[in-house]
Amino acid sequence: PARPNSRSVPDRLRVREIQQSDLSWLERVLFQFTMAGRALWLLIIFSPLAFMAPLAFLLDDNGQWRKAWGVRLLKALEAAGPAFMKWGQWAAARPDILPPDFCAILEALHQDAPAHAYGYTKRVLEEDMGHSLDEMFVHFDSVPLASGTIGQVHAASLSERGAEVLNGAAGPASTCKPGDKIAIKVRHPDVEEAITYDFIIMKAMARLANLFPSLEWLHLDEMMWQFETILCGQVDFNVESTKLEHFNYNFRMWKHIEFPKPLWSSSQALIESYEEGVSLQHYINRGDAMGMLEEGQEETAELNKRLAKLGLTAVLKMMVVDNLIHADLHPGNILVRELPISDGTLYQRMQALFGYKVTVPQVVLVDAGMTTNMQEGDSHNLVSFFKALSIFNGHDMAESMIGFSYIEPGQVQETFVSKMDNLMAYYRGQAESNSWVAFNECLATCMECVRESRMQIEGNVCTVIVTSMMLAELQTRLDSDCHVMQVLNNALLCKSAAIVSPLLGDLTEWYCNQEAITLRPCQTLDLKE
């Protein structure tokens, strides 16, 4: 793919502000009435939570009221609209703020949302593209493939005129042909307006909460800024198109990692290449069902090992080399294709010549609306954090966490460092006694320690850590022997090579792509070093 026009991805976006000075007196009155009505409706929705709180957090002995409060919060967020639903999805990925049981309850918000009518989809596309659907497509599925909080996805096949229009919009790199299948995302009606009103109310609530000293540690104003940045990247499909361009450029040397190709976009709609593939969940379930390796299952086990290493390599490259991380990597957004042996490494092709069965995977990462990037200092601290975690060094882990938290160094009690030391000493003892230590279990326990110490981590860093936890769990189920540090060293090699020379960086990335699908005996970790 061609280099994007701008290498920087928008990272300080804002919800559209309503300037009341630009409104007539009648519009201002209507605006105030709308805001008052919306605030009253939200009060009705959320007030039961305030009445249930004493039962849930003070008088509940067996946890039933606490669970009921969490379910009620879930229902309230669903009823409150898209901004609050997206906040719930975002908060579910913040174990430094919410307890694990509430994070688990709010994960249900990731399920399909109600779809809007086909007539609205047709009107938006025809208005924004300036062409009728009959002119652009020989076939258009009126029933969406999926529907989320912000929009829904349709499949379609291009007509000759449609291919011509998209090739003109996407530039010389586009190779659309008549009959090509594409995916079309369309934003739900009135989403932007509803989010604009809700953000005014949410910011007012954050300012009010900051008046209470007991809530100062949450840094709610900064939290709202982080959430607003993430949400705007999903509401405006032009932003997602830009991110896809950057992902495709960053992985241009990687044959075995793919992203959809953006073909056309507006703020309300996005047309991209339709990517075939099988959900990663299929391979995870197949690996879980295997249990102990039986005769005839060696090929499946090897494919799962390659998938684990390839996925881990891709995400660590995003974190360490590119500083642009796909932050919504659940199994539904990870598709797998099995390539012919001609697309494998030289070593794999030689294996095939001698009769070995070798399956070469290709991973496709879709739905790039939710992404994140980090400041240079945070990126350095995060690499140090993972290095310390790999050898169970609690002291260095604590220092790295302090580096990307909102607490002033002078406020950090020695108890936090001591707590992390004791925690990692426990896991270190398990590892030295050959007991199994799960990478994601270590991360989850560390985040619980951060939350108990009221050290809120910078939002983008927390998103990266949660993405790592999610991926580590998937990687463990695919291949429990895949070691994070082995892959991290390759990512660091790519970063160092890119600093020396762009050409050397490209060659190193090509090598790392080949290495990512090559199985080698795992090196044992020497905990005494």
Protein backbone atom coordinates (compact mmCIF):
# COMPACT_ATOMS: atom_id res chain seq x y z
CA PRO A 1 0.00 0.00 0.00
CA ALA A 2 1.00 3.58 -0.56
CA ARG A 3 2.24 5.72 2.30
CA PRO A 4 -0.71 7.58 3.89
CA ASN A 5 -0.85 11.31 3.20
CA SER A 6 -0.28 11.97 6.90
CA ARG A 7 1.64 9.53 9.08
CA SER A 8 0.00 10.90 12.24
CA VAL A 9 -3.33 9.43 13.29
CA PRO A 10 -5.79 11.90 14.90
CA ASP A 11 -5.54 11.41 18.65
CA ARG A 12 -7.08 14.55 20.18
CA LEU A 13 -10.56 14.46 18.72
CA ARG A 14 -13.57 16.13 20.24
CA VAL A 15 -17.31 15.69 20.12
CA ARG A 16 -18.87 18.50 18.11
CA GLU A 17 -19.47 21.47 20.43
CA ILE A 18 -22.77 23.33 20.34
CA GLN A 19 -22.11 27.10 20.30
CA GLN A 20 -25.24 28.64 21.81
CA SER A 21 -24.13 32.09 20.62
CA ASP A 22 -24.74 30.92 17.05
CA LEU A 23 -28.34 29.95 17.81
CA SER A 24 -31.43 32.14 17.59
CA TRP A 25 -33.36 32.85 20.81
CA LEU A 26 -35.95 30.23 19.87
CA GLU A 27 -33.25 27.64 19.16
CA ARG A 28 -31.58 28.44 22.49
CA VAL A 29 -34.87 27.94 24.33
CA LEU A 30 -35.48 24.64 22.54
CA PHE A 31 -31.91 23.58 23.29
CA GLN A 32 -32.33 24.29 27.01
CA PHE A 33 -35.64 22.40 27.10
CA THR A 34 -34.03 19.46 25.26
CA MET A 35 -31.14 19.36 27.72
CA ALA A 36 -33.49 19.60 30.72
CA GLY A 37 -35.67 16.80 29.37
CA ARG A 38 -32.63 14.63 28.66
CA ALA A 39 -31.22 15.25 32.14
CA LEU A 40 -34.59 14.35 33.71
CA TRP A 41 -34.75 11.11 31.71
CA LEU A 42 -31.22 10.15 32.79
CA LEU A 43 -32.13 10.94 36.42
CA ILE A 44 -35.09 8.54 36.17
CA ILE A 45 -32.88 5.83 34.67
CA PHE A 46 -29.97 6.09 37.11
CA SER A 47 -31.70 7.07 40.38
CA PRO A 48 -32.53 3.43 41.32
CA LEU A 49 -28.79 2.76 41.38
CA ALA A 50 -28.34 5.39 44.11
CA PHE A 51 -31.07 3.79 46.25
CA MET A 52 -29.64 0.29 45.74
CA ALA A 53 -26.04 1.32 46.50
CA PRO A 54 -26.23 0.98 50.34
CA LEU A 55 -27.62 -2.54 50.01
CA ALA A 56 -25.01 -3.47 47.39
CA PHE A 57 -21.90 -2.08 49.08
CA LEU A 58 -22.64 -1.80 52.81
CA LEU A 59 -25.19 -4.42 53.86
CA ASP A 60 -24.63 -7.21 51.33
CA ASP A 61 -23.01 -10.27 52.89
CA ASN A 62 -23.36 -12.88 50.14
CA GLY A 63 -22.86 -10.66 47.08
CA GLN A 64 -26.39 -11.00 45.66
CA TRP A 65 -27.25 -7.30 45.98
CA ARG A 66 -23.86 -6.35 44.55
CA LYS A 67 -24.49 -8.51 41.49
CA ALA A 68 -28.03 -7.12 41.16
CA TRP A 69 -26.62 -3.58 41.32
CA GLY A 70 -24.17 -4.41 38.52
CA VAL A 71 -26.95 -5.87 36.34
CA ARG A 72 -29.09 -2.79 37.01
CA LEU A 73 -26.15 -0.58 35.95
CA LEU A 74 -25.91 -2.59 32.72
CA LYS A 75 -29.63 -2.11 31.98
CA ALA A 76 -29.42 1.62 32.80
CA LEU A 77 -26.50 2.13 30.41
CA GLU A 78 -28.37 0.29 27.65
CA ALA A 79 -31.44 2.49 28.17
CA ALA A 80 -29.42 5.71 28.36
CA GLY A 81 -28.21 5.60 24.76
CA PRO A 82 -25.03 5.23 22.67
CA ALA A 83 -22.71 7.54 24.64
CA PHE A 84 -23.42 5.74 27.92
CA MET A 85 -23.24 2.31 26.27
CA LYS A 86 -19.82 3.17 24.83
CA TRP A 87 -18.76 4.44 28.24
CA GLY A 88 -19.79 1.09 29.72
CA GLN A 89 -17.78 -0.77 27.08
CA TRP A 90 -14.79 1.47 27.77
CA ALA A 91 -15.14 1.15 31.55
CA ALA A 92 -15.32 -2.66 31.23
CA ALA A 93 -11.75 -2.46 29.94
CA ARG A 94 -10.52 -0.41 32.94
CA PRO A 95 -9.73 -2.87 35.76
CA ASP A 96 -7.71 -0.08 37.40
CA ILE A 97 -11.05 1.69 38.09
CA LEU A 98 -13.80 -0.96 38.29
CA PRO A 99 -13.67 -4.25 40.22
CA PRO A 100 -13.37 -7.41 38.08
CA ASP A 101 -16.97 -8.54 38.74
CA PHE A 102 -18.39 -5.25 37.37
CA CYS A 103 -16.02 -5.38 34.37
CA ALA A 104 -17.36 -8.87 33.60
CA ILE A 105 -21.00 -7.69 33.81
CA LEU A 106 -20.41 -4.68 31.53
CA GLU A 107 -18.73 -6.86 28.89
CA ALA A 108 -22.28 -7.82 27.82
CA LEU A 109 -22.50 -4.36 26.20
CA HIS A 110 -20.27 -5.66 23.37
CA GLN A 111 -23.12 -7.80 22.03
CA ASP A 112 -25.12 -6.81 18.93
CA ALA A 113 -27.28 -3.68 19.21
CA PRO A 114 -30.62 -3.13 17.41
CA ALA A 115 -30.27 -2.40 13.68
CA HIS A 116 -31.78 0.59 11.93
CA ALA A 117 -34.03 0.38 8.86
CA TYR A 118 -32.65 -0.35 5.40
CA GLY A 119 -34.31 2.80 4.07
CA TYR A 120 -32.07 4.97 6.26
CA THR A 121 -28.95 3.12 5.06
CA LYS A 122 -30.00 3.65 1.44
CA ARG A 123 -30.65 7.36 1.95
CA VAL A 124 -27.32 8.02 3.71
CA LEU A 125 -25.25 6.21 1.08
CA GLU A 126 -27.00 7.82 -1.86
CA GLU A 127 -26.73 11.32 -0.37
CA ASP A 128 -23.06 10.98 0.61
CA MET A 129 -21.88 9.17 -2.52
CA GLY A 130 -24.00 11.06 -5.03
CA HIS A 131 -25.01 7.83 -6.78
CA SER A 132 -27.95 5.46 -6.40
CA LEU A 133 -27.38 2.01 -4.89
CA ASP A 134 -28.65 0.40 -8.09
CA GLU A 135 -25.96 2.27 -10.02
CA MET A 136 -23.15 1.38 -7.58
CA PHE A 137 -23.94 -2.23 -6.70
CA VAL A 138 -25.21 -5.30 -8.52
CA HIS A 139 -26.23 -6.75 -5.16
CA PHE A 140 -26.77 -5.14 -1.74
CA ASP A 141 -27.74 -7.14 1.36
CA SER A 142 -30.52 -5.19 3.05
CA VAL A 143 -30.12 -7.30 6.21
CA PRO A 144 -26.97 -6.19 8.08
CA LEU A 145 -24.21 -8.65 8.88
CA ALA A 146 -23.87 -7.11 12.35
CA SER A 147 -25.04 -4.07 14.30
CA GLY A 148 -23.12 -2.26 17.03
CA THR A 149 -23.60 0.74 19.26
CA ILE A 150 -22.47 3.26 16.62
CA GLY A 151 -23.48 1.64 13.33
CA GLN A 152 -24.10 -1.52 11.33
CA VAL A 153 -22.38 -3.43 8.52
CA HIS A 154 -23.82 -4.53 5.16
CA ALA A 155 -22.31 -6.66 2.40
CA ALA A 156 -22.57 -5.70 -1.29
CA SER A 157 -21.11 -6.51 -4.71
CA LEU A 158 -19.78 -3.75 -6.96
CA SER A 159 -21.15 -2.88 -10.37
CA GLU A 160 -18.89 -1.66 -13.18
CA ARG A 161 -19.81 1.93 -12.35
CA GLY A 162 -19.26 1.28 -8.62
CA ALA A 163 -15.75 -0.09 -9.25
CA GLU A 164 -14.95 2.98 -11.36
CA VAL A 165 -16.17 5.39 -8.67
CA LEU A 166 -14.28 3.66 -5.84
CA ASN A 167 -11.06 3.40 -7.86
CA GLY A 168 -11.28 7.14 -8.42
CA ALA A 169 -11.93 7.82 -4.72
CA ALA A 170 -9.27 5.47 -3.29
CA GLY A 171 -6.49 6.54 -5.68
CA PRO A 172 -4.14 4.64 -8.00
CA ALA A 173 -3.43 1.94 -5.40
CA SER A 174 -7.07 0.76 -5.56
CA THR A 175 -7.83 -2.23 -7.82
CA CYS A 176 -11.60 -2.64 -7.43
CA LYS A 177 -13.24 -4.80 -10.10
CA PRO A 178 -16.90 -5.33 -11.02
CA GLY A 179 -18.36 -8.10 -8.88
CA ASP A 180 -15.95 -7.54 -5.97
CA LYS A 181 -17.58 -8.10 -2.59
CA ILE A 182 -17.24 -5.17 -0.18
CA ALA A 183 -18.29 -4.28 3.36
CA ILE A 184 -20.24 -1.08 4.07
CA LYS A 185 -20.53 0.50 7.52
CA VAL A 186 -23.33 3.01 8.14
CA ARG A 187 -23.78 5.07 11.31
CA HIS A 188 -27.07 4.75 13.17
CA PRO A 189 -29.46 7.74 12.86
CA ASP A 190 -29.11 10.63 15.33
CA VAL A 191 -26.08 9.05 17.04
CA GLU A 192 -23.89 12.15 16.75
CA GLU A 193 -26.63 14.46 18.08
CA ALA A 194 -27.41 12.15 21.01
CA ILE A 195 -23.72 11.86 21.91
CA THR A 196 -23.28 15.65 21.72
CA TYR A 197 -26.11 16.25 24.22
CA ASP A 198 -24.96 13.42 26.50
CA PHE A 199 -21.37 14.65 26.62
CA ILE A 200 -22.51 18.05 27.89
CA ILE A 201 -24.32 16.26 30.74
CA MET A 202 -21.46 13.78 31.39
CA LYS A 203 -18.88 16.57 31.60
CA ALA A 204 -21.11 18.49 34.00
CA MET A 205 -21.44 15.35 36.15
CA ALA A 206 -17.64 14.91 36.12
CA ARG A 207 -17.09 18.51 37.24
CA LEU A 208 -19.65 18.04 40.01
CA ALA A 209 -18.02 14.79 41.18
CA ASN A 210 -14.60 16.47 41.32
CA LEU A 211 -15.93 18.66 44.15
CA PHE A 212 -15.89 15.58 46.41
CA PRO A 213 -12.38 14.94 47.81
CA SER A 214 -12.98 11.19 48.01
CA LEU A 215 -13.37 11.07 44.19
CA GLU A 216 -10.36 13.20 43.27
CA TRP A 217 -8.15 10.15 42.68
CA LEU A 218 -10.39 9.13 39.75
CA HIS A 219 -9.39 12.26 37.76
CA LEU A 220 -12.83 12.28 36.13
CA ASP A 221 -12.08 15.30 33.91
CA GLU A 222 -9.07 13.50 32.41
CA MET A 223 -11.10 10.29 32.17
CA MET A 224 -13.77 12.13 30.16
CA TRP A 225 -11.09 13.50 27.83
CA GLN A 226 -9.75 9.97 27.21
CA PHE A 227 -13.21 8.57 26.59
CA GLU A 228 -14.15 11.46 24.28
CA THR A 229 -11.05 10.85 22.17
CA ILE A 230 -11.81 7.15 21.79
CA LEU A 231 -15.50 7.70 21.07
CA CYS A 232 -14.93 10.35 18.40
CA GLY A 233 -12.68 7.98 16.51
CA GLN A 234 -15.62 5.58 16.26
CA VAL A 235 -18.38 8.09 15.48
CA ASP A 236 -16.56 9.64 12.48
CA PHE A 237 -15.86 6.95 9.88
CA ASN A 238 -13.34 9.22 8.15
CA VAL A 239 -11.11 8.67 11.19
CA GLU A 240 -11.46 4.87 10.98
CA SER A 241 -10.58 5.04 7.28
CA THR A 242 -7.39 6.96 8.14
CA LYS A 243 -6.47 4.40 10.78
CA LEU A 244 -6.95 1.55 8.32
CA GLU A 245 -4.62 3.31 5.87
CA HIS A 246 -1.96 3.50 8.57
CA PHE A 247 -2.40 -0.13 9.65
CA ASN A 248 -2.06 -1.28 6.04
CA TYR A 249 1.07 0.84 5.61
CA ASN A 250 2.62 -0.32 8.88
CA PHE A 251 2.11 -3.98 7.93
CA ARG A 252 3.04 -3.61 4.26
CA MET A 253 5.93 -6.10 4.67
CA TRP A 254 3.76 -8.64 6.49
CA LYS A 255 2.12 -11.16 4.17
CA HIS A 256 0.50 -13.01 7.05
CA ILE A 257 -1.18 -10.02 8.77
CA GLU A 258 -4.00 -8.27 6.89
CA PHE A 259 -6.41 -5.39 7.49
CA PRO A 260 -9.44 -4.33 5.42
CA LYS A 261 -8.57 -1.82 2.67
CA PRO A 262 -10.53 1.47 2.96
CA LEU A 263 -12.09 2.37 -0.40
CA TRP A 264 -14.32 5.37 0.38
CA SER A 265 -15.56 7.16 3.49
CA SER A 266 -17.67 9.99 4.82
CA SER A 267 -18.43 10.90 8.42
CA GLN A 268 -21.52 8.63 8.29
CA ALA A 269 -20.35 5.70 6.16
CA LEU A 270 -17.28 3.63 5.29
CA ILE A 271 -16.72 1.27 2.35
CA GLU A 272 -13.89 -1.21 2.73
CA SER A 273 -12.76 -4.51 1.25
CA TYR A 274 -14.75 -7.54 2.39
CA GLU A 275 -12.41 -9.92 4.21
CA GLU A 276 -13.23 -13.60 4.22
CA GLY A 277 -12.09 -15.76 7.10
CA VAL A 278 -13.01 -17.97 10.03
CA SER A 279 -13.34 -16.44 13.49
CA LEU A 280 -10.41 -17.13 15.79
CA GLN A 281 -12.95 -18.51 18.28
CA HIS A 282 -13.30 -21.59 16.01
CA TYR A 283 -9.60 -22.42 16.44
CA ILE A 284 -9.71 -21.71 20.17
CA ASN A 285 -12.70 -24.04 20.61
CA ARG A 286 -11.02 -26.68 18.48
CA GLY A 287 -7.89 -26.45 20.62
CA ASP A 288 -9.94 -26.63 23.85
CA ALA A 289 -11.81 -29.69 22.57
CA MET A 290 -8.57 -31.49 21.72
CA GLY A 291 -7.43 -31.65 25.33
CA MET A 292 -4.53 -34.03 25.32
CA LEU A 293 -2.90 -34.37 21.90
CA GLU A 294 -4.12 -37.46 20.11
CA GLU A 295 -2.97 -39.16 16.94
CA GLY A 296 -3.84 -37.18 13.80
CA GLN A 297 -4.14 -33.85 15.66
CA GLU A 298 -0.51 -32.74 15.28
CA GLU A 299 -1.37 -30.52 12.31
CA THR A 300 -4.13 -28.73 14.26
CA ALA A 301 -1.81 -28.21 17.22
CA GLU A 302 0.92 -26.77 14.98
CA LEU A 303 -1.53 -24.38 13.32
CA ASN A 304 -2.70 -23.14 16.73
CA LYS A 305 0.92 -22.59 17.78
CA ARG A 306 1.56 -20.54 14.64
CA LEU A 307 -1.60 -18.51 15.26
CA ALA A 308 -0.57 -17.77 18.85
CA LYS A 309 2.90 -16.61 17.82
CA LEU A 310 1.63 -14.62 14.82
CA GLY A 311 -1.05 -12.77 16.80
CA LEU A 312 1.33 -11.98 19.65
CA THR A 313 3.97 -10.72 17.21
CA ALA A 314 1.47 -8.44 15.46
CA VAL A 315 0.24 -6.80 18.67
CA LEU A 316 3.74 -6.30 20.10
CA LYS A 317 4.79 -4.70 16.81
CA MET A 318 1.84 -2.30 17.11
CA MET A 319 2.89 -1.43 20.67
CA VAL A 320 6.66 -1.21 20.35
CA VAL A 321 7.33 -0.26 16.71
CA ASP A 322 4.26 1.55 15.33
CA ASN A 323 2.65 3.11 18.42
CA LEU A 324 -0.77 2.51 16.87
CA ILE A 325 -2.61 -0.32 18.63
CA HIS A 326 -5.86 -2.01 17.65
CA ALA A 327 -7.70 -1.83 20.99
CA ASP A 328 -10.67 -4.12 20.29
CA LEU A 329 -9.06 -7.50 19.64
CA HIS A 330 -11.71 -9.91 20.83
CA PRO A 331 -12.01 -13.20 18.83
CA GLY A 332 -14.88 -11.85 16.70
CA ASN A 333 -12.56 -9.17 15.26
CA ILE A 334 -9.79 -11.67 14.43
CA LEU A 335 -10.32 -13.76 11.29
CA VAL A 336 -8.08 -16.59 10.14
CA ARG A 337 -7.35 -17.76 6.61
CA GLU A 338 -5.27 -20.82 5.74
CA LEU A 339 -2.86 -20.03 2.90
CA PRO A 340 -1.28 -22.45 0.40
CA ILE A 341 2.22 -23.71 1.21
CA SER A 342 3.64 -21.45 -1.54
CA ASP A 343 2.98 -18.52 0.82
CA GLY A 344 4.99 -20.13 3.62
CA THR A 345 8.65 -19.72 4.52
CA LEU A 346 11.43 -21.48 2.61
CA TYR A 347 11.81 -23.88 5.54
CA GLN A 348 8.11 -24.74 5.41
CA ARG A 349 8.18 -25.29 1.64
CA MET A 350 11.12 -27.68 2.09
CA GLN A 351 9.14 -29.52 4.77
CA ALA A 352 6.26 -29.92 2.33
CA LEU A 353 8.61 -31.38 -0.29
CA PHE A 354 9.50 -34.14 2.18
CA GLY A 355 5.84 -34.96 2.81
CA TYR A 356 5.19 -32.99 6.01
CA LYS A 357 1.75 -31.41 6.36
CA VAL A 358 2.26 -27.69 6.93
CA THR A 359 -0.60 -25.18 7.23
CA VAL A 360 0.30 -21.50 6.84
CA PRO A 361 -2.10 -19.10 8.67
CA GLN A 362 -2.98 -15.54 7.77
CA VAL A 363 -4.64 -13.33 10.39
CA VAL A 364 -7.08 -10.56 9.41
CA LEU A 365 -7.80 -7.85 12.01
CA VAL A 366 -11.11 -6.05 11.37
CA ASP A 367 -13.11 -3.21 13.00
CA ALA A 368 -10.32 -0.69 13.61
CA GLY A 369 -12.62 1.97 15.08
CA MET A 370 -11.16 1.63 18.57
CA THR A 371 -7.41 2.28 18.56
CA THR A 372 -4.93 3.91 20.88
CA ASN A 373 -1.39 5.26 20.92
CA MET A 374 0.98 6.33 23.67
CA GLN A 375 3.39 9.10 24.51
CA GLU A 376 7.07 8.22 24.03
CA GLY A 377 7.73 8.06 27.78
CA ASP A 378 4.73 5.80 28.36
CA SER A 379 5.86 3.50 25.53
CA HIS A 380 9.31 3.17 27.12
CA ASN A 381 7.80 2.51 30.56
CA LEU A 382 5.47 -0.13 29.10
CA VAL A 383 8.35 -2.06 27.51
CA SER A 384 10.18 -1.91 30.86
CA PHE A 385 7.01 -3.11 32.57
CA PHE A 386 6.69 -6.17 30.31
CA LYS A 387 10.38 -6.99 30.68
CA ALA A 388 10.07 -6.84 34.47
CA LEU A 389 6.88 -8.92 34.37
CA SER A 390 8.60 -11.64 32.33
CA ILE A 391 11.12 -12.20 35.14
CA PHE A 392 8.67 -11.45 38.00
CA ASN A 393 10.56 -8.34 39.14
CA GLY A 394 7.94 -6.65 41.31
CA HIS A 395 10.05 -3.59 42.18
CA ASP A 396 10.70 -2.60 38.54
CA MET A 397 7.07 -3.31 37.65
CA ALA A 398 5.91 -0.94 40.39
CA GLU A 399 8.32 1.78 39.22
CA SER A 400 7.02 1.45 35.65
CA MET A 401 3.40 1.65 36.84
CA ILE A 402 4.20 4.78 38.83
CA GLY A 403 5.69 6.24 35.65
CA PHE A 404 2.39 6.10 33.75
CA SER A 405 -0.04 6.75 36.57
CA TYR A 406 -1.69 10.03 37.59
CA ILE A 407 -0.33 9.97 41.12
CA GLU A 408 2.56 12.26 42.03
CA PRO A 409 5.77 10.35 42.92
CA GLY A 410 5.79 11.90 46.38
CA GLN A 411 2.35 10.43 47.07
CA VAL A 412 3.34 6.86 46.28
CA GLN A 413 3.66 4.92 49.50
CA GLU A 414 6.29 2.26 49.85
CA THR A 415 3.43 -0.12 50.53
CA PHE A 416 2.58 -0.26 46.82
CA VAL A 417 6.13 -1.24 45.84
CA SER A 418 6.23 -3.71 48.73
CA LYS A 419 2.88 -5.18 47.69
CA MET A 420 4.10 -5.66 44.12
CA ASP A 421 7.33 -7.24 45.37
CA ASN A 422 5.39 -9.75 47.48
CA LEU A 423 2.97 -10.48 44.65
CA MET A 424 5.72 -11.21 42.12
CA ALA A 425 7.67 -13.22 44.69
CA TYR A 426 4.65 -15.52 44.93
CA TYR A 427 4.48 -15.99 41.15
CA ARG A 428 8.25 -16.37 40.95
CA GLY A 429 8.09 -19.16 43.52
CA GLN A 430 5.41 -20.89 41.47
CA ALA A 431 7.52 -20.65 38.32
CA GLU A 432 10.65 -21.99 40.06
CA SER A 433 8.64 -24.95 41.38
CA ASN A 434 7.46 -25.67 37.79
CA SER A 435 3.89 -24.66 38.60
CA TRP A 436 1.96 -23.04 35.75
CA VAL A 437 1.90 -19.21 35.80
CA ALA A 438 -0.47 -17.53 33.33
CA PHE A 439 0.69 -14.21 31.88
CA ASN A 440 -2.84 -12.76 31.87
CA GLU A 441 -3.39 -13.91 35.49
CA CYS A 442 -0.29 -11.93 36.54
CA LEU A 443 -1.52 -8.85 34.69
CA ALA A 444 -5.02 -9.10 36.18
CA THR A 445 -3.63 -9.37 39.71
CA CYS A 446 -1.34 -6.38 39.11
CA MET A 447 -4.27 -4.26 37.91
CA GLU A 448 -6.25 -5.25 41.01
CA CYS A 449 -3.30 -4.05 43.11
CA VAL A 450 -3.28 -0.73 41.20
CA ARG A 451 -7.02 -0.23 41.77
CA GLU A 452 -6.76 -0.98 45.50
CA SER A 453 -3.94 1.58 45.76
CA ARG A 454 -6.09 4.18 43.93
CA MET A 455 -3.42 4.72 41.27
CA GLN A 456 -5.35 5.41 38.08
CA ILE A 457 -3.24 4.54 35.03
CA GLU A 458 -3.17 6.81 31.97
CA GLY A 459 -6.07 5.69 29.78
CA ASN A 460 -4.15 4.77 26.62
CA VAL A 461 -1.63 2.72 28.59
CA CYS A 462 -4.43 0.92 30.44
CA THR A 463 -6.10 0.12 27.10
CA VAL A 464 -2.83 -1.42 25.88
CA ILE A 465 -2.45 -3.49 29.07
CA VAL A 466 -6.05 -4.74 28.84
CA THR A 467 -5.51 -5.60 25.16
CA SER A 468 -2.41 -7.54 26.24
CA MET A 469 -4.44 -9.38 28.88
CA MET A 470 -7.10 -10.29 26.33
CA LEU A 471 -4.54 -11.45 23.78
CA ALA A 472 -2.52 -13.34 26.39
CA GLU A 473 -5.61 -15.33 27.35
CA LEU A 474 -6.24 -16.23 23.70
CA GLN A 475 -2.56 -17.04 23.17
CA THR A 476 -2.53 -19.30 26.24
CA ARG A 477 -5.50 -21.29 24.94
CA LEU A 478 -3.85 -21.65 21.53
CA ASP A 479 -0.31 -22.40 22.73
CA SER A 480 0.64 -22.32 26.40
CA ASP A 481 4.36 -22.71 25.54
CA CYS A 482 4.64 -19.47 23.53
CA HIS A 483 6.83 -17.11 25.56
CA VAL A 484 6.13 -13.38 25.41
CA MET A 485 9.76 -12.29 25.79
CA GLN A 486 10.93 -14.21 22.74
CA VAL A 487 8.44 -12.30 20.59
CA LEU A 488 9.09 -8.98 22.38
CA ASN A 489 12.79 -9.21 21.49
CA ASN A 490 11.88 -9.45 17.79
CA ALA A 491 9.67 -6.35 18.12
CA LEU A 492 12.52 -4.44 19.78
CA LEU A 493 14.81 -5.55 16.94
CA CYS A 494 12.36 -4.07 14.39
CA LYS A 495 12.23 -0.78 16.29
CA SER A 496 16.04 -0.52 16.50
CA ALA A 497 16.48 -1.35 12.81
CA ALA A 498 13.90 1.28 11.75
CA ILE A 499 15.85 3.93 13.69
CA VAL A 500 19.06 3.06 11.84
CA SER A 501 17.55 2.97 8.33
CA PRO A 502 14.04 2.69 6.81
CA LEU A 503 15.34 0.03 4.37
CA LEU A 504 16.90 -1.96 7.20
CA GLY A 505 13.63 -1.57 9.12
CA ASP A 506 11.64 -3.01 6.19
CA LEU A 507 14.04 -5.96 5.84
CA THR A 508 13.86 -6.65 9.58
CA GLU A 509 10.06 -6.55 9.51
CA TRP A 510 10.05 -9.01 6.59
CA TYR A 511 12.28 -11.31 8.65
CA CYS A 512 10.02 -10.97 11.71
CA ASN A 513 6.99 -11.86 9.59
CA GLN A 514 8.74 -15.06 8.48
CA GLU A 515 9.83 -15.77 12.04
CA ALA A 516 6.25 -15.28 13.32
CA ILE A 517 4.96 -18.34 11.42
CA THR A 518 8.02 -20.52 12.05
CA LEU A 519 7.89 -22.89 15.00
CA ARG A 520 11.06 -23.27 17.00
CA PRO A 521 11.74 -24.96 20.34
CA CYS A 522 10.84 -22.47 23.09
CA GLN A 523 13.79 -21.26 25.14
CA THR A 524 13.42 -21.75 28.85
CA LEU A 525 13.48 -18.62 30.96
CA ASP A 526 16.40 -18.46 33.37
CA LEU A 527 14.91 -16.79 36.44
CA LYS A 528 18.34 -16.50 38.08
CA GLU A 529 19.64 -14.05 35.46
